PDB file of N, CA and C in Angstrom:
ATOM      1  N   MET A   1     -14.176   1.216  -0.640  1.00  0.00           N
ATOM      2  CA  MET A   1     -13.757   2.728  -2.086  1.00  0.00           C
ATOM      3  C   MET A   1     -13.004   1.547  -2.751  1.00  0.00           C
ATOM      4  N   THR A   2     -13.135   2.132  -3.788  1.00  0.00           N
ATOM      5  CA  THR A   2     -12.769   1.467  -5.041  1.00  0.00           C
ATOM      6  C   THR A   2     -11.607   2.524  -5.564  1.00  0.00           C
ATOM      7  N   LYS A   3     -10.567   2.441  -6.988  1.00  0.00           N
ATOM      8  CA  LYS A   3     -10.380   3.404  -7.269  1.00  0.00           C
ATOM      9  C   LYS A   3     -11.021   4.682  -8.166  1.00  0.00           C
ATOM     10  N   ALA A   4     -11.994   4.255  -9.246  1.00  0.00           N
ATOM     11  CA  ALA A   4     -12.588   4.803  -8.710  1.00  0.00           C
ATOM     12  C   ALA A   4     -13.307   5.813  -8.491  1.00  0.00           C
ATOM     13  N   GLU A   5     -14.046   5.349  -7.451  1.00  0.00           N
ATOM     14  CA  GLU A   5     -14.320   6.123  -6.240  1.00  0.00           C
ATOM     15  C   GLU A   5     -13.553   7.007  -5.774  1.00  0.00           C
ATOM     16  N   LEU A   6     -12.653   6.563  -4.683  1.00  0.00           N
ATOM     17  CA  LEU A   6     -11.512   6.989  -5.092  1.00  0.00           C
ATOM     18  C   LEU A   6     -10.530   8.704  -6.342  1.00  0.00           C
ATOM     19  N   VAL A   7     -10.626   8.108  -7.064  1.00  0.00           N
ATOM     20  CA  VAL A   7     -10.573   9.594  -7.975  1.00  0.00           C
ATOM     21  C   VAL A   7     -11.462  10.323  -7.956  1.00  0.00           C
ATOM     22  N   GLU A   8     -13.020   9.693  -7.463  1.00  0.00           N
ATOM     23  CA  GLU A   8     -14.518  11.685  -7.613  1.00  0.00           C
ATOM     24  C   GLU A   8     -13.581  11.955  -7.131  1.00  0.00           C
ATOM     25  N   GLN A   9     -13.793  11.127  -5.623  1.00  0.00           N
ATOM     26  CA  GLN A   9     -13.583  12.229  -4.157  1.00  0.00           C
ATOM     27  C   GLN A   9     -12.373  12.788  -4.624  1.00  0.00           C
ATOM     28  N   MET A  10     -10.733  12.145  -4.908  1.00  0.00           N
ATOM     29  CA  MET A  10      -9.796  13.288  -4.885  1.00  0.00           C
ATOM     30  C   MET A  10     -10.108  14.739  -5.349  1.00  0.00           C
ATOM     31  N   ALA A  11     -11.343  14.754  -7.105  1.00  0.00           N
ATOM     32  CA  ALA A  11     -11.854  15.352  -7.392  1.00  0.00           C
ATOM     33  C   ALA A  11     -12.541  16.143  -7.857  1.00  0.00           C
ATOM     34  N   ASP A  12     -13.585  16.103  -6.055  1.00  0.00           N
ATOM     35  CA  ASP A  12     -14.151  17.025  -5.968  1.00  0.00           C
ATOM     36  C   ASP A  12     -14.062  18.156  -4.988  1.00  0.00           C
ATOM     37  N   LYS A  13     -12.430  17.812  -3.909  1.00  0.00           N
ATOM     38  CA  LYS A  13     -12.150  17.469  -2.715  1.00  0.00           C
ATOM     39  C   LYS A  13     -10.216  18.800  -2.918  1.00  0.00           C
ATOM     40  N   ALA A  14     -10.534  18.629  -3.877  1.00  0.00           N
ATOM     41  CA  ALA A  14      -8.936  19.690  -5.078  1.00  0.00           C
ATOM     42  C   ALA A  14      -9.232  19.884  -6.101  1.00  0.00           C
ATOM     43  N   GLY A  15     -10.505  20.329  -6.744  1.00  0.00           N
ATOM     44  CA  GLY A  15     -11.027  21.520  -7.637  1.00  0.00           C
ATOM     45  C   GLY A  15     -10.020  20.772  -8.595  1.00  0.00           C
ATOM     46  N   LEU A  16     -10.223  18.986  -8.647  1.00  0.00           N
ATOM     47  CA  LEU A  16      -9.702  18.407  -9.987  1.00  0.00           C
ATOM     48  C   LEU A  16     -10.280  18.839 -11.126  1.00  0.00           C
ATOM     49  N   ASN A  17     -10.582  18.490 -12.686  1.00  0.00           N
ATOM     50  CA  ASN A  17     -11.534  17.323 -12.685  1.00  0.00           C
ATOM     51  C   ASN A  17     -10.254  15.564 -12.774  1.00  0.00           C
ATOM     52  N   LYS A  18     -11.653  14.539 -13.075  1.00  0.00           N
ATOM     53  CA  LYS A  18     -11.300  13.409 -12.642  1.00  0.00           C
ATOM     54  C   LYS A  18      -9.806  13.309 -13.678  1.00  0.00           C
ATOM     55  N   VAL A  19      -9.048  13.676 -14.547  1.00  0.00           N
ATOM     56  CA  VAL A  19      -8.122  12.607 -15.063  1.00  0.00           C
ATOM     57  C   VAL A  19      -6.836  13.137 -14.786  1.00  0.00           C
ATOM     58  N   GLN A  20      -7.131  14.186 -14.243  1.00  0.00           N
ATOM     59  CA  GLN A  20      -5.906  15.279 -13.528  1.00  0.00           C
ATOM     60  C   GLN A  20      -6.341  14.795 -12.151  1.00  0.00           C
ATOM     61  N   ALA A  21      -7.167  13.952 -11.095  1.00  0.00           N
ATOM     62  CA  ALA A  21      -6.880  13.714 -10.044  1.00  0.00           C
ATOM     63  C   ALA A  21      -6.980  12.272 -10.905  1.00  0.00           C
ATOM     64  N   LYS A  22      -6.771  11.102 -11.825  1.00  0.00           N
ATOM     65  CA  LYS A  22      -6.178  10.050 -11.586  1.00  0.00           C
ATOM     66  C   LYS A  22      -4.771   9.753 -11.803  1.00  0.00           C
ATOM     67  N   ASP A  23      -4.514  10.590 -12.816  1.00  0.00           N
ATOM     68  CA  ASP A  23      -2.815  11.071 -12.946  1.00  0.00           C
ATOM     69  C   ASP A  23      -2.102  11.071 -12.012  1.00  0.00           C
ATOM     70  N   ALA A  24      -3.125  11.768 -10.974  1.00  0.00           N
ATOM     71  CA  ALA A  24      -1.862  12.283  -8.969  1.00  0.00           C
ATOM     72  C   ALA A  24      -1.908  11.438  -9.122  1.00  0.00           C
ATOM     73  N   LEU A  25      -3.388  10.216  -8.530  1.00  0.00           N
ATOM     74  CA  LEU A  25      -3.490   8.859  -7.712  1.00  0.00           C
ATOM     75  C   LEU A  25      -1.957   7.891  -9.389  1.00  0.00           C
ATOM     76  N   ASP A  26      -2.444   7.977  -9.635  1.00  0.00           N
ATOM     77  CA  ASP A  26      -1.483   6.237 -11.146  1.00  0.00           C
ATOM     78  C   ASP A  26      -0.219   7.280 -10.427  1.00  0.00           C
ATOM     79  N   ALA A  27       0.079   8.367 -10.279  1.00  0.00           N
ATOM     80  CA  ALA A  27       1.514   9.241  -9.650  1.00  0.00           C
ATOM     81  C   ALA A  27       2.513   8.785  -8.555  1.00  0.00           C
ATOM     82  N   PHE A  28       1.305   8.889  -7.507  1.00  0.00           N
ATOM     83  CA  PHE A  28       1.464   8.667  -5.953  1.00  0.00           C
ATOM     84  C   PHE A  28       1.524   7.105  -6.239  1.00  0.00           C
ATOM     85  N   ILE A  29       0.280   6.042  -6.353  1.00  0.00           N
ATOM     86  CA  ILE A  29       0.930   4.831  -7.234  1.00  0.00           C
ATOM     87  C   ILE A  29       2.434   4.272  -6.824  1.00  0.00           C
ATOM     88  N   ALA A  30       3.217   4.575  -7.812  1.00  0.00           N
ATOM     89  CA  ALA A  30       4.151   4.748  -9.643  1.00  0.00           C
ATOM     90  C   ALA A  30       5.147   4.858  -8.436  1.00  0.00           C
ATOM     91  N   SER A  31       4.901   5.961  -7.806  1.00  0.00           N
ATOM     92  CA  SER A  31       6.318   6.518  -6.772  1.00  0.00           C
ATOM     93  C   SER A  31       6.544   5.607  -5.702  1.00  0.00           C
ATOM     94  N   VAL A  32       5.585   5.350  -5.091  1.00  0.00           N
ATOM     95  CA  VAL A  32       5.562   3.848  -3.760  1.00  0.00           C
ATOM     96  C   VAL A  32       5.451   2.840  -4.339  1.00  0.00           C
ATOM     97  N   SER A  33       5.792   2.365  -5.087  1.00  0.00           N
ATOM     98  CA  SER A  33       5.398   0.753  -5.450  1.00  0.00           C
ATOM     99  C   SER A  33       7.338   1.665  -6.259  1.00  0.00           C
ATOM    100  N   ILE A  34       7.547   2.388  -6.974  1.00  0.00           N
ATOM    101  CA  ILE A  34       9.217   2.773  -6.823  1.00  0.00           C
ATOM    102  C   ILE A  34      10.217   2.035  -5.136  1.00  0.00           C
ATOM    103  N   SER A  35       9.367   3.157  -4.703  1.00  0.00           N
ATOM    104  CA  SER A  35      10.409   3.170  -3.789  1.00  0.00           C
ATOM    105  C   SER A  35      10.158   2.379  -2.368  1.00  0.00           C
ATOM    106  N   LEU A  36       9.919   1.092  -3.042  1.00  0.00           N
ATOM    107  CA  LEU A  36       8.696  -0.124  -2.068  1.00  0.00           C
ATOM    108  C   LEU A  36      10.032  -1.088  -2.816  1.00  0.00           C
ATOM    109  N   LYS A  37      10.358  -1.443  -3.631  1.00  0.00           N
ATOM    110  CA  LYS A  37      10.968  -1.828  -4.125  1.00  0.00           C
ATOM    111  C   LYS A  37      12.738  -2.083  -4.451  1.00  0.00           C
ATOM    112  N   ALA A  38      12.423  -0.243  -3.856  1.00  0.00           N
ATOM    113  CA  ALA A  38      14.283  -0.095  -4.083  1.00  0.00           C
ATOM    114  C   ALA A  38      14.367  -0.563  -2.621  1.00  0.00           C
ATOM    115  N   GLY A  39      13.419  -0.571  -1.764  1.00  0.00           N
ATOM    116  CA  GLY A  39      14.002  -0.981  -0.271  1.00  0.00           C
ATOM    117  C   GLY A  39      13.447  -0.166   0.709  1.00  0.00           C
ATOM    118  N   LYS A  40      12.898   1.381  -0.030  1.00  0.00           N
ATOM    119  CA  LYS A  40      13.042   2.335   1.421  1.00  0.00           C
ATOM    120  C   LYS A  40      11.747   2.703   1.353  1.00  0.00           C
ATOM    121  N   GLU A  41      11.410   2.522   2.719  1.00  0.00           N
ATOM    122  CA  GLU A  41      10.520   2.984   2.990  1.00  0.00           C
ATOM    123  C   GLU A  41       9.482   4.880   3.269  1.00  0.00           C
ATOM    124  N   VAL A  42       7.979   4.663   2.838  1.00  0.00           N
ATOM    125  CA  VAL A  42       8.115   5.947   2.563  1.00  0.00           C
ATOM    126  C   VAL A  42       6.738   6.083   3.666  1.00  0.00           C
ATOM    127  N   ARG A  43       7.129   7.623   4.321  1.00  0.00           N
ATOM    128  CA  ARG A  43       6.079   7.872   5.410  1.00  0.00           C
ATOM    129  C   ARG A  43       5.962   8.963   5.182  1.00  0.00           C
ATOM    130  N   LEU A  44       4.473   9.148   5.408  1.00  0.00           N
ATOM    131  CA  LEU A  44       3.736   9.972   5.145  1.00  0.00           C
ATOM    132  C   LEU A  44       2.290  10.994   6.755  1.00  0.00           C
ATOM    133  N   VAL A  45       3.736  11.744   7.133  1.00  0.00           N
ATOM    134  CA  VAL A  45       3.297  12.208   8.384  1.00  0.00           C
ATOM    135  C   VAL A  45       1.194  12.459   8.495  1.00  0.00           C
ATOM    136  N   GLY A  46       1.140  11.344  10.082  1.00  0.00           N
ATOM    137  CA  GLY A  46      -0.045  11.613  10.186  1.00  0.00           C
ATOM    138  C   GLY A  46      -0.395  10.053   9.842  1.00  0.00           C
ATOM    139  N   PHE A  47      -0.461  10.350   8.608  1.00  0.00           N
ATOM    140  CA  PHE A  47      -1.451   9.308   7.873  1.00  0.00           C
ATOM    141  C   PHE A  47      -0.434   7.687   8.592  1.00  0.00           C
ATOM    142  N   GLY A  48       0.147   7.517   7.820  1.00  0.00           N
ATOM    143  CA  GLY A  48       1.501   5.887   8.373  1.00  0.00           C
ATOM    144  C   GLY A  48       2.716   6.233   6.866  1.00  0.00           C
ATOM    145  N   SER A  49       3.133   4.746   7.514  1.00  0.00           N
ATOM    146  CA  SER A  49       3.422   4.206   6.714  1.00  0.00           C
ATOM    147  C   SER A  49       3.753   2.994   5.382  1.00  0.00           C
ATOM    148  N   PHE A  50       3.976   3.105   4.783  1.00  0.00           N
ATOM    149  CA  PHE A  50       4.184   2.015   3.330  1.00  0.00           C
ATOM    150  C   PHE A  50       5.847   1.188   4.020  1.00  0.00           C
ATOM    151  N   VAL A  51       5.769  -0.137   4.203  1.00  0.00           N
ATOM    152  CA  VAL A  51       7.392  -0.343   4.930  1.00  0.00           C
ATOM    153  C   VAL A  51       7.558  -1.551   3.714  1.00  0.00           C
ATOM    154  N   PRO A  52       8.864  -1.498   3.179  1.00  0.00           N
ATOM    155  CA  PRO A  52       9.080  -2.543   2.330  1.00  0.00           C
ATOM    156  C   PRO A  52       9.038  -3.820   3.708  1.00  0.00           C
ATOM    157  N   ILE A  53       9.025  -5.270   2.911  1.00  0.00           N
ATOM    158  CA  ILE A  53       9.397  -6.537   4.373  1.00  0.00           C
ATOM    159  C   ILE A  53       9.594  -7.360   3.086  1.00  0.00           C
ATOM    160  N   LYS A  54      11.223  -7.987   3.712  1.00  0.00           N
ATOM    161  CA  LYS A  54      11.763  -9.079   2.587  1.00  0.00           C
ATOM    162  C   LYS A  54      11.447 -10.756   3.379  1.00  0.00           C
ATOM    163  N   ARG A  55      10.732 -11.120   2.652  1.00  0.00           N
ATOM    164  CA  ARG A  55      10.178 -13.094   3.197  1.00  0.00           C
ATOM    165  C   ARG A  55      11.280 -13.629   3.069  1.00  0.00           C
ATOM    166  N   PRO A  56      12.109 -14.453   3.346  1.00  0.00           N
ATOM    167  CA  PRO A  56      12.804 -15.573   2.833  1.00  0.00           C
ATOM    168  C   PRO A  56      12.195 -16.932   2.504  1.00  0.00           C
ATOM    169  N   ALA A  57      13.048 -17.240   1.490  1.00  0.00           N
ATOM    170  CA  ALA A  57      13.013 -18.099   0.830  1.00  0.00           C
ATOM    171  C   ALA A  57      12.004 -19.966   2.511  1.00  0.00           C
ATOM    172  N   GLY A  58      11.793 -20.301   1.960  1.00  0.00           N
ATOM    173  CA  GLY A  58      11.401 -21.769   3.121  1.00  0.00           C
ATOM    174  C   GLY A  58      10.385 -22.763   2.457  1.00  0.00           C
ATOM    175  N   THR A  59       9.816 -23.102   3.433  1.00  0.00           N
ATOM    176  CA  THR A  59       9.317 -23.927   3.924  1.00  0.00           C
ATOM    177  C   THR A  59       7.990 -23.415   3.886  1.00  0.00           C
ATOM    178  N   ALA A  60       5.974 -23.764   2.712  1.00  0.00           N
ATOM    179  CA  ALA A  60       4.908 -23.546   3.394  1.00  0.00           C
ATOM    180  C   ALA A  60       4.335 -25.199   4.007  1.00  0.00           C
ATOM    181  N   ARG A  61       2.972 -24.093   3.625  1.00  0.00           N
ATOM    182  CA  ARG A  61       2.100 -25.878   4.022  1.00  0.00           C
ATOM    183  C   ARG A  61       0.634 -25.662   3.255  1.00  0.00           C
ATOM    184  N   ASN A  62       0.881 -26.656   2.354  1.00  0.00           N
ATOM    185  CA  ASN A  62      -0.542 -26.022   2.316  1.00  0.00           C
ATOM    186  C   ASN A  62      -1.866 -26.538   2.469  1.00  0.00           C
ATOM    187  N   PRO A  63      -2.832 -25.649   3.482  1.00  0.00           N
ATOM    188  CA  PRO A  63      -3.793 -26.376   3.905  1.00  0.00           C
ATOM    189  C   PRO A  63      -4.845 -27.396   3.714  1.00  0.00           C
ATOM    190  N   ARG A  64      -4.827 -27.085   2.572  1.00  0.00           N
ATOM    191  CA  ARG A  64      -5.713 -27.449   2.091  1.00  0.00           C
ATOM    192  C   ARG A  64      -5.454 -28.862   2.273  1.00  0.00           C
ATOM    193  N   THR A  65      -4.440 -29.572   1.562  1.00  0.00           N
ATOM    194  CA  THR A  65      -3.924 -30.731   2.028  1.00  0.00           C
ATOM    195  C   THR A  65      -2.969 -31.227   2.047  1.00  0.00           C
ATOM    196  N   GLY A  66      -1.963 -30.359   3.161  1.00  0.00           N
ATOM    197  CA  GLY A  66      -1.094 -30.921   3.850  1.00  0.00           C
ATOM    198  C   GLY A  66       0.281 -30.700   3.796  1.00  0.00           C
ATOM    199  N   GLU A  67       0.242 -30.544   2.278  1.00  0.00           N
ATOM    200  CA  GLU A  67       1.602 -31.237   1.967  1.00  0.00           C
ATOM    201  C   GLU A  67       2.668 -30.336   1.877  1.00  0.00           C
ATOM    202  N   THR A  68       3.621 -30.291   2.066  1.00  0.00           N
ATOM    203  CA  THR A  68       4.848 -29.193   1.863  1.00  0.00           C
ATOM    204  C   THR A  68       4.987 -28.898   1.407  1.00  0.00           C
ATOM    205  N   VAL A  69       5.249 -27.239   0.701  1.00  0.00           N
ATOM    206  CA  VAL A  69       5.496 -26.525  -0.333  1.00  0.00           C
ATOM    207  C   VAL A  69       6.774 -25.806  -0.482  1.00  0.00           C
ATOM    208  N   LYS A  70       7.874 -25.496  -0.948  1.00  0.00           N
ATOM    209  CA  LYS A  70       9.060 -23.932  -1.654  1.00  0.00           C
ATOM    210  C   LYS A  70       8.343 -23.036  -1.957  1.00  0.00           C
ATOM    211  N   ARG A  71       8.549 -22.506  -0.833  1.00  0.00           N
ATOM    212  CA  ARG A  71       8.397 -20.534  -0.951  1.00  0.00           C
ATOM    213  C   ARG A  71       9.298 -19.657  -1.438  1.00  0.00           C
ATOM    214  N   LYS A  72       9.631 -19.597  -2.404  1.00  0.00           N
ATOM    215  CA  LYS A  72      10.240 -18.451  -2.785  1.00  0.00           C
ATOM    216  C   LYS A  72      10.582 -16.957  -2.474  1.00  0.00           C
ATOM    217  N   ALA A  73      11.710 -16.914  -1.636  1.00  0.00           N
ATOM    218  CA  ALA A  73      11.833 -15.387  -1.218  1.00  0.00           C
ATOM    219  C   ALA A  73      11.406 -14.365  -1.746  1.00  0.00           C
ATOM    220  N   SER A  74      10.252 -13.806  -1.265  1.00  0.00           N
ATOM    221  CA  SER A  74       9.475 -12.526  -1.999  1.00  0.00           C
ATOM    222  C   SER A  74       9.176 -10.897  -1.331  1.00  0.00           C
ATOM    223  N   GLN A  75       9.042  -9.885  -1.958  1.00  0.00           N
ATOM    224  CA  GLN A  75       8.754  -8.560  -1.249  1.00  0.00           C
ATOM    225  C   GLN A  75       7.672  -8.237  -1.196  1.00  0.00           C
ATOM    226  N   SER A  76       7.328  -8.099  -0.161  1.00  0.00           N
ATOM    227  CA  SER A  76       6.444  -7.618   0.077  1.00  0.00           C
ATOM    228  C   SER A  76       6.251  -5.779   1.264  1.00  0.00           C
ATOM    229  N   CYS A  77       4.685  -5.471   1.429  1.00  0.00           N
ATOM    230  CA  CYS A  77       5.224  -4.328   2.029  1.00  0.00           C
ATOM    231  C   CYS A  77       3.831  -4.525   3.674  1.00  0.00           C
ATOM    232  N   ARG A  78       3.936  -2.986   3.928  1.00  0.00           N
ATOM    233  CA  ARG A  78       2.981  -3.071   5.230  1.00  0.00           C
ATOM    234  C   ARG A  78       2.945  -2.427   5.509  1.00  0.00           C
ATOM    235  N   PHE A  79       1.741  -2.140   6.069  1.00  0.00           N
ATOM    236  CA  PHE A  79       1.181  -0.456   6.943  1.00  0.00           C
ATOM    237  C   PHE A  79       0.946  -0.150   7.518  1.00  0.00           C
ATOM    238  N   ARG A  80       1.825   0.736   8.365  1.00  0.00           N
ATOM    239  CA  ARG A  80       1.731   1.304   9.535  1.00  0.00           C
ATOM    240  C   ARG A  80       1.219   2.322  10.161  1.00  0.00           C
ATOM    241  N   VAL A  81      -0.229   2.858  11.037  1.00  0.00           N
ATOM    242  CA  VAL A  81      -0.819   3.558  10.682  1.00  0.00           C
ATOM    243  C   VAL A  81      -0.103   4.137  11.847  1.00  0.00           C
ATOM    244  N   GLY A  82      -0.439   5.797  11.142  1.00  0.00           N
ATOM    245  CA  GLY A  82      -0.280   7.146  11.822  1.00  0.00           C
ATOM    246  C   GLY A  82      -0.936   7.621  12.756  1.00  0.00           C
ATOM    247  N   ASP A  83      -0.338   8.199  13.903  1.00  0.00           N
ATOM    248  CA  ASP A  83      -1.349   8.427  14.942  1.00  0.00           C
ATOM    249  C   ASP A  83      -2.592   9.634  14.875  1.00  0.00           C
ATOM    250  N   ALA A  84      -2.378  11.074  13.655  1.00  0.00           N
ATOM    251  CA  ALA A  84      -3.239  11.222  13.023  1.00  0.00           C
ATOM    252  C   ALA A  84      -4.448  10.005  12.672  1.00  0.00           C
ATOM    253  N   LEU A  85      -4.109   9.712  11.665  1.00  0.00           N
ATOM    254  CA  LEU A  85      -5.563   8.793  11.515  1.00  0.00           C
ATOM    255  C   LEU A  85      -6.117   8.018  12.281  1.00  0.00           C
ATOM    256  N   LYS A  86      -4.977   7.315  13.176  1.00  0.00           N
ATOM    257  CA  LYS A  86      -5.079   5.812  14.442  1.00  0.00           C
ATOM    258  C   LYS A  86      -6.277   6.805  15.206  1.00  0.00           C
ATOM    259  N   SER A  87      -5.983   8.586  15.626  1.00  0.00           N
ATOM    260  CA  SER A  87      -7.280   8.585  16.939  1.00  0.00           C
ATOM    261  C   SER A  87      -8.157   9.434  15.990  1.00  0.00           C
ATOM    262  N   THR A  88      -8.950   9.439  14.371  1.00  0.00           N
ATOM    263  CA  THR A  88      -9.826   9.922  13.049  1.00  0.00           C
ATOM    264  C   THR A  88     -10.822   8.471  13.011  1.00  0.00           C
ATOM    265  N   LEU A  89      -9.732   7.202  13.510  1.00  0.00           N
ATOM    266  CA  LEU A  89     -10.591   5.606  13.455  1.00  0.00           C
ATOM    267  C   LEU A  89     -11.319   5.560  14.823  1.00  0.00           C
ATOM    268  N   ASN A  90     -10.789   5.853  15.903  1.00  0.00           N
ATOM    269  CA  ASN A  90     -11.204   5.726  16.677  1.00  0.00           C
ATOM    270  C   ASN A  90     -11.773   6.763  17.761  1.00  0.00           C
ATOM    271  N   GLY A  91     -12.328   7.589  17.162  1.00  0.00           N
ATOM    272  CA  GLY A  91     -12.450   9.128  17.665  1.00  0.00           C
ATOM    273  C   GLY A  91     -13.895   8.891  17.708  1.00  0.00           C
TER     274      GLY A  91
END
């Protein structure tokens, strides 16, 4: 599903026009991004949690050439599936 398709479905299900649905989705993405950047977990009960992950600097290997390279410290995030979503997917 693309962002445009998600906006369309949100608009249909929530009774909004597409501009309002896009604004709502953009606000959601911005809020989650700001929270993760601050190191805070975002929990949506029943759906899942976005968890910030700090990756330390280190060395990595280029799988194509076998050359070792230095990797900078970085931040990422992981998604943990909630129980309701897991039962929907497996039910």
